[in-house]
Amino acid sequence: MTDLGLTDLILLSVVCFTIALCVIWLLDLLFQRRISAESPHDSTANEAHFLIKDDVIHDHDLPIRRLTGGPESTPESWQDLRSWLGERFGALPETLAGITGNKTETFAATDPQDSAVLRLSNTRDVHRVILTDPAVPDPLARHRARKLDKAHTRFLAVVDNMPCAAAMLDSDKRISWKNARFAQFSEDDIQCLLQALERLPTEDRFVLPARDSDTARHVQLTFLPNGPSSVLYVNDVSEVAQAEIVRREFVQTLTKTFANLTTGLAVFDRHRQLALFNPALLDLTGLPAAFLSGQPPLTQFFDRLRDNKMLPEPRNYGTWRNQIDDMITSAADGLYHEDWHLVNGLIYRVTGRPHPDGAIAFLFEDISDEVAMARQIRIQLDVRQATLDTLDKSIAVIGADRSILFCNRPCCDLLAIDPDASFANMALMEFLSACEERLPQEDFWGTVEQTIAERKTMEADLRTPDGTALRCRVVRMPGKKMKISFIPHLEIAPKLSTEAGLTV
């Protein structure tokens, strides 16, 4: 009973497996019949059909290659086919899902001379794309030819409008093709270019000689060997060559200018290494040229200056490094400007300025003579001022702008004024008001003002309120200046009339 039951079970399994295979075969046969009913292989002439379901191409009636990507690519989806057809038929839908219910959409070619038509239809959830071209029996071959022709046209347009000239050479270095820019060269220029290839490396510059009224042109030659055929690129770099000449001349001019400067120049790059210096820096600092040529760091540069006693003696050597860091920071901000009083008696004016790309420049200027001269001038001015202040005369100098430029001490005491007490110069009217208040004389000071305005001279005798006799004198000075002075006049008669006598 057990063996018989196992045999029946095996037979039953075989029967079930056979029935399953038959069912699968029947279902596949039915699907193939459905696909055959919807297959594009019953297409008529001048038509090409594509069968698409869920935007995936399941069948097409002609072997098509090179539609989209590489040399052996075929359309696999509606997106591939849309990209291949879209340029000819305009804006096609992104997906075919919108075409339902036996709906058909027709797209005519965008070119009025093109009679091709593209139809998109739907039948039982299967989309059919039909390309019809009445002009030819093979619409896909014509479509491929049109795309190749347009691609070739675009390629020629791109090549002819390249910013450089290009030509293809055969194995004998003869021109087999050239673009529009290369065709602009004369035969003599082409011969010069071909001869230059024999003596120039793969890429180098060459000067085309001037022709008639033209100037010589600088061209960049690039030669790319490629088996039996090679490519020659010729790029006009005349403007670049001219700019390089101008830059070279400018650098030479700057070099000569820096070499002749009496101000020492030291430029440190963004890494704080000495990048540039001029001969004046050697003379001012006493640093050896070999040391500066080694591009020392900024801190080492200042350490050597300190060793050579070319820096002010620091009060605290422990803070020396902090002082250097503060100096660098101030120079980077464009704020460093100090006068160094050295132990040898020299005075250097040091200025730190930022430069592009994080660089810093230090300028060293010997101002010892300038300071000495300024001191000498100051001493001379002080002596002259003291001399004028000890005179018995009261003197005031009036500038061309009718302001008081100078007033000695006797004049200030006489008129009770102090012109130096204010930053602004005292005006002539204010000065004459003080004169009239301290030395009242009827109609006298108006006459003085008119005399000064007309740049004339005058003398007049007058008295102070306490009876002191003075002589007022107005005279011209260089630079449209006028001087008015009050001189003690002891020989005037004891009794003077109230009206001052005028002598013009």
Protein backbone atom coordinates (compact mmCIF):
# COMPACT_ATOMS: atom_id res chain seq x y z
CA MET A 1 0.00 0.00 0.00
CA THR A 2 2.87 2.37 0.77
CA ASP A 3 4.74 1.68 -2.49
CA LEU A 4 1.56 2.07 -4.52
CA GLY A 5 0.75 5.40 -2.89
CA LEU A 6 4.24 6.77 -3.70
CA THR A 7 3.94 5.75 -7.34
CA ASP A 8 0.59 7.45 -7.66
CA LEU A 9 2.05 10.57 -6.13
CA ILE A 10 4.91 10.63 -8.63
CA LEU A 11 2.52 10.13 -11.56
CA LEU A 12 0.27 12.87 -10.25
CA SER A 13 3.25 15.27 -10.03
CA VAL A 14 4.28 14.50 -13.62
CA VAL A 15 0.73 15.10 -14.85
CA CYS A 16 0.53 18.43 -12.98
CA PHE A 17 3.87 19.58 -14.37
CA THR A 18 2.79 18.68 -17.90
CA ILE A 19 -0.47 20.57 -17.51
CA ALA A 20 1.44 23.63 -16.23
CA LEU A 21 3.74 23.58 -19.25
CA CYS A 22 0.74 23.41 -21.57
CA VAL A 23 -0.91 26.36 -19.84
CA ILE A 24 2.29 28.45 -20.10
CA TRP A 25 2.62 27.48 -23.80
CA LEU A 26 -0.98 28.46 -24.50
CA LEU A 27 -0.60 31.81 -22.69
CA ASP A 28 2.57 32.58 -24.61
CA LEU A 29 0.86 31.66 -27.87
CA LEU A 30 -2.02 33.99 -27.06
CA PHE A 31 0.39 36.85 -26.19
CA GLN A 32 2.35 36.32 -29.40
CA ARG A 33 -0.89 36.41 -31.40
CA ARG A 34 -1.85 39.67 -29.67
CA ILE A 35 1.55 41.21 -30.37
CA SER A 36 1.35 39.92 -33.96
CA ALA A 37 -2.02 41.60 -34.33
CA GLU A 38 -0.51 44.85 -33.12
CA SER A 39 2.90 44.36 -34.74
CA PRO A 40 4.18 47.03 -37.13
CA HIS A 41 5.40 44.44 -39.62
CA ASP A 42 2.22 44.85 -41.66
CA SER A 43 3.32 48.42 -42.50
CA THR A 44 2.92 49.79 -45.93
CA ALA A 45 5.59 51.51 -47.99
CA ASN A 46 6.82 54.98 -46.95
CA GLU A 47 6.07 54.17 -43.30
CA ALA A 48 8.12 53.13 -40.29
CA HIS A 49 6.36 51.80 -37.16
CA PHE A 50 7.39 51.57 -33.50
CA LEU A 51 5.40 49.61 -30.89
CA ILE A 52 5.71 51.13 -27.39
CA LYS A 53 4.25 50.08 -24.06
CA ASP A 54 4.85 52.08 -20.88
CA ASP A 55 7.29 54.29 -22.84
CA VAL A 56 9.47 51.26 -23.61
CA ILE A 57 9.96 50.17 -27.25
CA HIS A 58 9.00 46.51 -27.67
CA ASP A 59 9.20 46.22 -31.43
CA HIS A 60 10.04 48.17 -34.59
CA ASP A 61 9.67 47.10 -38.18
CA LEU A 62 13.11 47.99 -39.49
CA PRO A 63 16.61 47.33 -38.10
CA ILE A 64 17.72 50.76 -36.92
CA ARG A 65 21.14 51.56 -35.57
CA ARG A 66 23.02 54.68 -34.64
CA LEU A 67 19.84 56.53 -33.70
CA THR A 68 21.00 57.96 -30.42
CA GLY A 69 24.22 57.26 -28.53
CA GLY A 70 27.22 55.23 -29.72
CA PRO A 71 27.81 53.66 -33.11
CA GLU A 72 25.75 50.53 -32.31
CA SER A 73 23.04 52.05 -30.14
CA THR A 74 19.35 51.44 -30.81
CA PRO A 75 16.28 53.19 -29.37
CA GLU A 76 15.13 51.52 -26.20
CA SER A 77 12.53 53.99 -24.94
CA TRP A 78 10.22 56.74 -26.09
CA GLN A 79 12.72 59.27 -24.74
CA ASP A 80 15.40 57.91 -27.10
CA LEU A 81 13.04 58.02 -30.06
CA ARG A 82 11.72 61.46 -29.09
CA SER A 83 15.25 62.84 -28.92
CA TRP A 84 16.04 61.37 -32.34
CA LEU A 85 12.84 62.66 -33.99
CA GLY A 86 12.15 65.82 -31.99
CA GLU A 87 14.39 68.24 -33.92
CA ARG A 88 12.51 67.44 -37.12
CA PHE A 89 8.97 67.43 -35.72
CA GLY A 90 9.25 70.06 -33.01
CA ALA A 91 8.00 69.67 -29.44
CA LEU A 92 6.89 66.07 -28.90
CA PRO A 93 5.27 64.99 -25.59
CA GLU A 94 7.57 63.97 -22.74
CA THR A 95 5.62 60.72 -22.30
CA LEU A 96 3.00 58.82 -24.28
CA ALA A 97 0.84 58.20 -21.20
CA GLY A 98 -1.33 61.20 -22.12
CA ILE A 99 -2.44 59.56 -25.39
CA THR A 100 -5.32 57.25 -24.39
CA GLY A 101 -8.63 55.94 -25.68
CA ASN A 102 -7.80 55.33 -29.34
CA LYS A 103 -6.56 58.92 -29.52
CA THR A 104 -4.18 59.90 -32.33
CA GLU A 105 -1.93 62.96 -32.44
CA THR A 106 -0.26 64.12 -35.64
CA PHE A 107 2.93 66.18 -35.91
CA ALA A 108 4.01 67.65 -39.22
CA ALA A 109 7.63 68.41 -40.04
CA THR A 110 8.75 71.90 -39.05
CA ASP A 111 10.36 72.42 -42.47
CA PRO A 112 7.67 73.49 -45.01
CA GLN A 113 9.60 71.64 -47.74
CA ASP A 114 9.47 68.40 -45.75
CA SER A 115 6.35 66.25 -46.35
CA ALA A 116 7.05 63.80 -43.49
CA VAL A 117 4.40 63.28 -40.79
CA LEU A 118 4.64 61.64 -37.36
CA ARG A 119 1.51 60.03 -35.83
CA LEU A 120 1.16 58.93 -32.22
CA SER A 121 -1.78 56.62 -31.43
CA ASN A 122 -3.06 54.32 -28.70
CA THR A 123 -4.75 50.92 -28.98
CA ARG A 124 -5.49 48.79 -25.92
CA ASP A 125 -2.76 50.44 -23.78
CA VAL A 126 -0.19 49.95 -26.55
CA HIS A 127 1.16 53.04 -28.31
CA ARG A 128 2.13 53.06 -31.93
CA VAL A 129 4.50 55.64 -33.46
CA ILE A 130 4.27 55.88 -37.24
CA LEU A 131 6.74 57.89 -39.32
CA THR A 132 5.40 58.57 -42.80
CA ASP A 133 7.48 60.12 -45.58
CA PRO A 134 5.77 60.01 -49.01
CA ALA A 135 8.93 61.25 -50.74
CA VAL A 136 11.01 58.09 -50.16
CA PRO A 137 10.34 54.37 -49.67
CA ASP A 138 12.58 54.24 -46.56
CA PRO A 139 11.64 57.09 -44.19
CA LEU A 140 14.14 56.06 -41.52
CA ALA A 141 17.05 56.07 -43.95
CA ARG A 142 16.05 59.54 -45.13
CA HIS A 143 15.65 60.75 -41.56
CA ARG A 144 19.11 59.44 -40.71
CA ALA A 145 20.53 61.14 -43.80
CA ARG A 146 18.88 64.45 -42.88
CA LYS A 147 20.33 64.29 -39.37
CA LEU A 148 23.79 63.52 -40.71
CA ASP A 149 23.50 66.39 -43.18
CA LYS A 150 22.46 68.83 -40.43
CA ALA A 151 25.22 67.56 -38.16
CA HIS A 152 27.72 68.06 -40.97
CA THR A 153 26.42 71.60 -41.56
CA ARG A 154 26.68 72.43 -37.88
CA PHE A 155 30.16 70.96 -37.75
CA LEU A 156 31.31 73.09 -40.68
CA ALA A 157 29.75 76.20 -39.11
CA VAL A 158 31.57 75.52 -35.84
CA VAL A 159 34.89 74.82 -37.54
CA ASP A 160 34.68 77.83 -39.87
CA ASN A 161 33.91 80.14 -36.95
CA MET A 162 36.68 78.86 -34.71
CA PRO A 163 38.91 81.65 -33.34
CA CYS A 164 41.93 79.99 -34.95
CA ALA A 165 42.79 78.74 -38.41
CA ALA A 166 42.89 74.95 -38.93
CA ALA A 167 43.98 72.70 -41.78
CA MET A 168 44.43 68.96 -42.34
CA LEU A 169 47.65 67.74 -43.94
CA ASP A 170 48.33 64.44 -45.64
CA SER A 171 51.45 62.35 -45.18
CA ASP A 172 53.33 64.59 -47.63
CA LYS A 173 52.43 67.74 -45.66
CA ARG A 174 50.02 68.89 -48.35
CA ILE A 175 46.77 70.58 -47.36
CA SER A 176 43.77 68.33 -47.87
CA TRP A 177 41.23 70.47 -46.01
CA LYS A 178 41.13 73.91 -44.38
CA ASN A 179 38.57 76.00 -42.57
CA ALA A 180 37.42 79.50 -43.52
CA ARG A 181 40.00 81.27 -41.36
CA PHE A 182 42.86 79.27 -42.83
CA ALA A 183 41.60 80.12 -46.30
CA GLN A 184 42.20 83.80 -45.52
CA PHE A 185 45.96 83.24 -45.59
CA SER A 186 47.69 84.07 -48.83
CA GLU A 187 49.67 81.44 -50.70
CA ASP A 188 52.92 83.03 -49.55
CA ASP A 189 51.76 82.89 -45.92
CA ILE A 190 50.75 79.24 -46.29
CA GLN A 191 54.15 78.37 -47.72
CA CYS A 192 55.84 80.15 -44.79
CA LEU A 193 53.70 78.20 -42.33
CA LEU A 194 54.46 74.86 -43.98
CA GLN A 195 58.18 75.66 -44.06
CA ALA A 196 58.04 76.61 -40.39
CA LEU A 197 56.82 73.11 -39.52
CA GLU A 198 60.16 71.69 -40.63
CA ARG A 199 62.18 73.69 -38.09
CA LEU A 200 59.75 74.33 -35.25
CA PRO A 201 58.67 71.92 -32.48
CA THR A 202 55.14 70.66 -32.09
CA GLU A 203 53.98 73.98 -30.64
CA ASP A 204 55.76 77.29 -31.00
CA ARG A 205 55.41 80.85 -32.19
CA PHE A 206 56.22 82.09 -35.63
CA VAL A 207 56.27 85.56 -37.17
CA LEU A 208 54.58 85.94 -40.55
CA PRO A 209 56.40 88.62 -42.55
CA ALA A 210 54.54 91.81 -43.46
CA ARG A 211 52.78 91.90 -46.85
CA ASP A 212 52.27 95.24 -48.59
CA SER A 213 50.73 97.61 -46.04
CA ASP A 214 50.13 94.89 -43.42
CA THR A 215 52.29 94.56 -40.33
CA ALA A 216 54.08 91.42 -39.27
CA ARG A 217 51.83 88.96 -37.45
CA HIS A 218 52.73 86.69 -34.56
CA VAL A 219 51.05 83.28 -34.81
CA GLN A 220 51.03 80.26 -32.54
CA LEU A 221 51.51 76.98 -34.43
CA THR A 222 50.17 73.72 -33.01
CA PHE A 223 50.88 70.59 -35.06
CA LEU A 224 49.13 67.34 -34.08
CA PRO A 225 50.35 64.27 -36.02
CA ASN A 226 47.67 61.62 -36.43
CA GLY A 227 48.81 58.79 -38.66
CA PRO A 228 48.49 59.50 -42.38
CA SER A 229 46.74 62.82 -41.73
CA SER A 230 47.70 65.59 -39.34
CA VAL A 231 46.09 68.77 -38.09
CA LEU A 232 47.72 72.20 -38.08
CA TYR A 233 46.26 74.95 -35.89
CA VAL A 234 47.33 78.55 -36.43
CA ASN A 235 46.28 81.08 -33.80
CA ASP A 236 46.94 84.81 -34.24
CA VAL A 237 48.66 86.03 -31.03
CA SER A 238 49.82 89.42 -32.26
CA GLU A 239 47.98 91.24 -29.48
CA VAL A 240 49.40 88.87 -26.88
CA ALA A 241 52.92 89.33 -28.25
CA GLN A 242 52.50 93.11 -28.24
CA ALA A 243 51.21 93.00 -24.67
CA GLU A 244 54.23 90.93 -23.63
CA ILE A 245 56.56 93.46 -25.23
CA VAL A 246 54.82 96.32 -23.40
CA ARG A 247 54.96 94.40 -20.14
CA ARG A 248 58.65 93.60 -20.61
CA GLU A 249 59.43 97.24 -21.33
CA PHE A 250 57.35 98.29 -18.34
CA VAL A 251 59.21 95.87 -16.06
CA GLN A 252 62.53 97.15 -17.38
CA THR A 253 61.43 100.72 -16.72
CA LEU A 254 60.34 99.81 -13.20
CA THR A 255 63.63 98.01 -12.61
CA LYS A 256 65.61 101.06 -13.68
CA THR A 257 63.37 103.30 -11.58
CA PHE A 258 63.81 101.13 -8.49
CA ALA A 259 67.56 100.97 -9.11
CA ASN A 260 67.81 104.78 -9.18
CA LEU A 261 65.62 105.39 -6.15
CA THR A 262 67.33 106.80 -3.08
CA THR A 263 64.61 105.23 -0.94
CA GLY A 264 65.25 101.65 0.10
CA LEU A 265 62.51 99.23 -0.95
CA ALA A 266 61.84 95.78 0.52
CA VAL A 267 58.77 93.83 -0.63
CA PHE A 268 57.76 90.67 1.23
CA ASP A 269 55.30 88.22 -0.36
CA ARG A 270 52.24 86.69 1.29
CA HIS A 271 54.48 84.07 2.95
CA ARG A 272 56.59 86.91 4.44
CA GLN A 273 59.63 86.07 2.32
CA LEU A 274 61.69 88.89 0.77
CA ALA A 275 60.63 88.97 -2.89
CA LEU A 276 62.02 92.28 -4.15
CA PHE A 277 64.61 94.86 -3.07
CA ASN A 278 66.53 97.67 -4.73
CA PRO A 279 70.21 98.74 -4.46
CA ALA A 280 69.35 101.65 -2.15
CA LEU A 281 68.31 99.13 0.50
CA LEU A 282 71.87 97.76 0.51
CA ASP A 283 73.32 101.23 1.04
CA LEU A 284 70.88 102.22 3.77
CA THR A 285 70.89 99.01 5.81
CA GLY A 286 74.39 97.70 5.17
CA LEU A 287 72.99 94.18 4.67
CA PRO A 288 74.99 92.03 2.25
CA ALA A 289 73.53 91.34 -1.19
CA ALA A 290 73.99 87.59 -0.74
CA PHE A 291 71.78 87.64 2.34
CA LEU A 292 69.01 89.63 0.62
CA SER A 293 69.22 87.51 -2.54
CA GLY A 294 68.51 84.44 -0.41
CA GLN A 295 64.98 85.79 0.20
CA PRO A 296 65.13 85.72 4.01
CA PRO A 297 61.93 85.73 6.09
CA LEU A 298 60.69 89.06 7.35
CA THR A 299 61.57 88.37 10.98
CA GLN A 300 65.09 87.29 10.03
CA PHE A 301 65.45 90.47 7.97
CA PHE A 302 64.68 92.65 10.99
CA ASP A 303 66.89 90.50 13.23
CA ARG A 304 69.84 91.25 10.94
CA LEU A 305 68.94 94.95 11.01
CA ARG A 306 69.07 94.84 14.79
CA ASP A 307 72.41 93.02 14.73
CA ASN A 308 73.77 95.77 12.43
CA LYS A 309 72.39 98.43 14.82
CA MET A 310 70.12 99.73 12.07
CA LEU A 311 67.09 99.61 14.36
CA PRO A 312 66.26 101.81 17.35
CA GLU A 313 67.54 100.26 20.56
CA PRO A 314 64.58 98.51 22.20
CA ARG A 315 64.04 99.29 25.86
CA ASN A 316 63.14 95.69 26.61
CA TYR A 317 64.69 92.91 24.56
CA GLY A 318 62.14 90.48 25.95
CA THR A 319 59.37 92.20 24.03
CA TRP A 320 61.40 92.48 20.81
CA ARG A 321 59.46 89.78 18.98
CA ASN A 322 56.14 91.35 19.98
CA GLN A 323 57.33 94.69 18.64
CA ILE A 324 58.18 93.10 15.29
CA ASP A 325 54.78 91.38 15.15
CA ASP A 326 53.04 94.69 15.88
CA MET A 327 55.09 96.34 13.14
CA ILE A 328 54.06 93.67 10.60
CA THR A 329 50.40 93.96 11.58
CA SER A 330 50.47 97.75 11.29
CA ALA A 331 52.16 97.55 7.88
CA ALA A 332 49.56 95.07 6.63
CA ASP A 333 46.87 97.56 7.64
CA GLY A 334 48.75 100.43 5.99
CA LEU A 335 49.26 102.23 9.33
CA TYR A 336 52.99 101.86 10.01
CA HIS A 337 54.88 105.15 9.69
CA GLU A 338 57.72 105.94 12.09
CA ASP A 339 61.03 107.78 12.30
CA TRP A 340 63.88 105.61 13.55
CA HIS A 341 66.58 107.47 15.50
CA LEU A 342 69.61 105.20 15.23
CA VAL A 343 72.60 105.02 17.56
CA ASN A 344 74.92 106.34 14.81
CA GLY A 345 72.96 109.60 14.65
CA LEU A 346 71.08 108.81 11.46
CA ILE A 347 67.33 109.15 11.22
CA TYR A 348 65.36 106.78 8.97
CA ARG A 349 61.73 107.24 8.06
CA VAL A 350 60.19 103.76 7.70
CA THR A 351 56.79 103.27 6.09
CA GLY A 352 54.89 99.97 5.81
CA ARG A 353 52.28 99.54 3.11
CA PRO A 354 50.12 96.55 2.08
CA HIS A 355 50.50 95.20 -1.45
CA PRO A 356 48.22 92.95 -3.55
CA ASP A 357 47.89 89.26 -2.72
CA GLY A 358 48.85 89.75 0.92
CA ALA A 359 52.33 91.19 0.28
CA ILE A 360 53.90 93.94 2.42
CA ALA A 361 56.33 96.66 1.31
CA PHE A 362 58.67 98.60 3.61
CA LEU A 363 60.20 101.89 2.49
CA PHE A 364 63.41 103.12 4.15
CA GLU A 365 64.27 106.79 3.67
CA ASP A 366 67.27 108.61 5.15
CA ILE A 367 65.88 111.90 6.47
CA SER A 368 68.91 112.86 8.57
CA ASP A 369 69.78 115.86 6.35
CA GLU A 370 66.13 116.86 6.14
CA VAL A 371 65.76 116.80 9.92
CA ALA A 372 69.04 118.65 10.38
CA MET A 373 67.97 121.29 7.89
CA ALA A 374 64.56 121.61 9.54
CA ARG A 375 66.26 122.08 12.88
CA GLN A 376 68.59 124.71 11.43
CA ILE A 377 65.68 126.55 9.86
CA ARG A 378 63.79 126.37 13.12
CA ILE A 379 66.76 127.84 14.98
CA GLN A 380 67.08 130.61 12.42
CA LEU A 381 63.40 131.40 12.66
CA ASP A 382 63.58 131.46 16.42
CA VAL A 383 66.55 133.84 16.28
CA ARG A 384 64.82 136.15 13.84
CA GLN A 385 61.62 136.07 15.87
CA ALA A 386 63.56 136.90 19.02
CA THR A 387 65.37 139.72 17.21
CA LEU A 388 62.12 141.22 15.96
CA ASP A 389 60.56 140.87 19.39
CA THR A 390 63.38 142.90 20.97
CA LEU A 391 63.04 145.83 18.57
CA ASP A 392 61.61 149.16 19.72
CA LYS A 393 59.44 149.20 16.62
CA SER A 394 56.02 147.58 16.50
CA ILE A 395 55.75 145.65 13.22
CA ALA A 396 52.89 143.79 11.54
CA VAL A 397 52.93 142.13 8.09
CA ILE A 398 49.73 141.91 6.05
CA GLY A 399 49.34 139.18 3.42
CA ALA A 400 47.85 139.41 -0.04
CA ASP A 401 44.62 137.94 1.35
CA ARG A 402 44.34 140.90 3.81
CA SER A 403 45.20 138.77 6.84
CA ILE A 404 47.91 139.34 9.49
CA LEU A 405 50.88 137.06 8.72
CA PHE A 406 53.29 138.30 11.36
CA CYS A 407 53.16 140.51 14.43
CA ASN A 408 56.12 141.05 16.77
CA ARG A 409 55.84 141.29 20.54
CA PRO A 410 55.96 145.14 20.81
CA CYS A 411 53.09 145.37 18.33
CA CYS A 412 51.05 142.81 20.28
CA ASP A 413 51.67 144.73 23.51
CA LEU A 414 50.86 148.08 21.88
CA LEU A 415 47.54 146.90 20.43
CA ALA A 416 46.71 144.29 23.10
CA ILE A 417 46.30 141.53 20.54
CA ASP A 418 47.66 137.96 20.12
CA PRO A 419 47.26 136.70 16.51
CA ASP A 420 48.96 133.38 17.35
CA ALA A 421 46.29 132.48 19.87
CA SER A 422 43.98 131.23 17.10
CA PHE A 423 44.51 128.77 14.25
CA ALA A 424 42.86 131.23 11.86
CA ASN A 425 44.80 134.28 10.77
CA MET A 426 43.62 137.63 12.08
CA ALA A 427 41.82 139.68 9.41
CA LEU A 428 42.96 143.20 8.50
CA MET A 429 39.65 144.70 9.64
CA GLU A 430 40.06 143.11 13.07
CA PHE A 431 43.64 144.44 13.27
CA LEU A 432 42.57 147.99 12.30
CA SER A 433 39.75 147.84 14.85
CA ALA A 434 42.33 147.09 17.55
CA CYS A 435 44.47 149.97 16.24
CA GLU A 436 41.54 152.40 16.39
CA GLU A 437 40.67 151.28 19.89
CA ARG A 438 44.24 151.67 21.22
CA LEU A 439 45.27 154.63 19.05
CA PRO A 440 42.11 156.59 18.35
CA GLN A 441 42.55 159.06 15.50
CA GLU A 442 39.65 160.58 13.59
CA ASP A 443 39.40 159.30 9.96
CA PHE A 444 42.96 158.02 10.19
CA TRP A 445 42.54 154.26 10.11
CA GLY A 446 40.14 154.41 7.14
CA THR A 447 42.92 156.15 5.25
CA VAL A 448 45.35 153.40 6.30
CA GLU A 449 42.94 150.71 5.05
CA GLN A 450 42.57 152.48 1.69
CA THR A 451 46.35 152.84 1.39
CA ILE A 452 46.85 149.13 2.03
CA ALA A 453 44.10 148.21 -0.45
CA GLU A 454 45.73 150.39 -3.15
CA ARG A 455 49.23 149.14 -2.24
CA LYS A 456 50.61 152.60 -1.64
CA THR A 457 52.95 153.96 1.04
CA MET A 458 52.34 156.53 3.73
CA GLU A 459 53.73 158.02 6.92
CA ALA A 460 51.88 159.80 9.69
CA ASP A 461 52.55 161.00 13.23
CA LEU A 462 50.16 160.19 16.04
CA ARG A 463 50.05 159.88 19.82
CA THR A 464 48.98 157.18 22.22
CA PRO A 465 46.38 158.01 24.88
CA ASP A 466 49.23 158.50 27.39
CA GLY A 467 50.88 161.06 25.11
CA THR A 468 53.66 158.92 23.58
CA ALA A 469 54.54 160.14 20.07
CA LEU A 470 54.61 157.48 17.33
CA ARG A 471 55.20 157.50 13.63
CA CYS A 472 52.98 155.10 11.62
CA ARG A 473 54.58 153.90 8.41
CA VAL A 474 52.95 151.75 5.68
CA VAL A 475 55.27 150.25 3.01
CA ARG A 476 55.07 147.64 0.27
CA MET A 477 56.76 144.23 0.50
CA PRO A 478 57.42 141.47 -2.08
CA GLY A 479 54.65 139.02 -2.86
CA LYS A 480 51.85 141.62 -2.60
CA LYS A 481 52.44 141.91 1.13
CA MET A 482 52.27 145.16 3.13
CA LYS A 483 54.05 146.18 6.34
CA ILE A 484 52.73 148.55 8.92
CA SER A 485 55.05 149.76 11.69
CA PHE A 486 54.82 152.05 14.68
CA ILE A 487 58.10 153.84 15.45
CA PRO A 488 58.68 155.91 18.60
CA HIS A 489 59.20 159.54 17.44
CA LEU A 490 60.79 161.55 20.24
CA GLU A 491 61.44 164.72 18.22
CA ILE A 492 57.83 165.58 17.54
CA ALA A 493 56.75 168.95 18.92
CA PRO A 494 55.20 168.76 22.38
CA LYS A 495 51.91 170.13 21.14
CA LEU A 496 50.41 168.21 18.20
CA SER A 497 47.11 169.05 16.71
CA THR A 498 44.38 166.53 17.08
CA GLU A 499 44.50 165.93 13.35
CA ALA A 500 47.50 163.84 12.36
CA GLY A 501 49.58 165.18 9.52
CA LEU A 502 49.81 162.85 6.51
CA THR A 503 52.71 162.52 4.14
CA VAL A 504 51.95 160.32 1.17
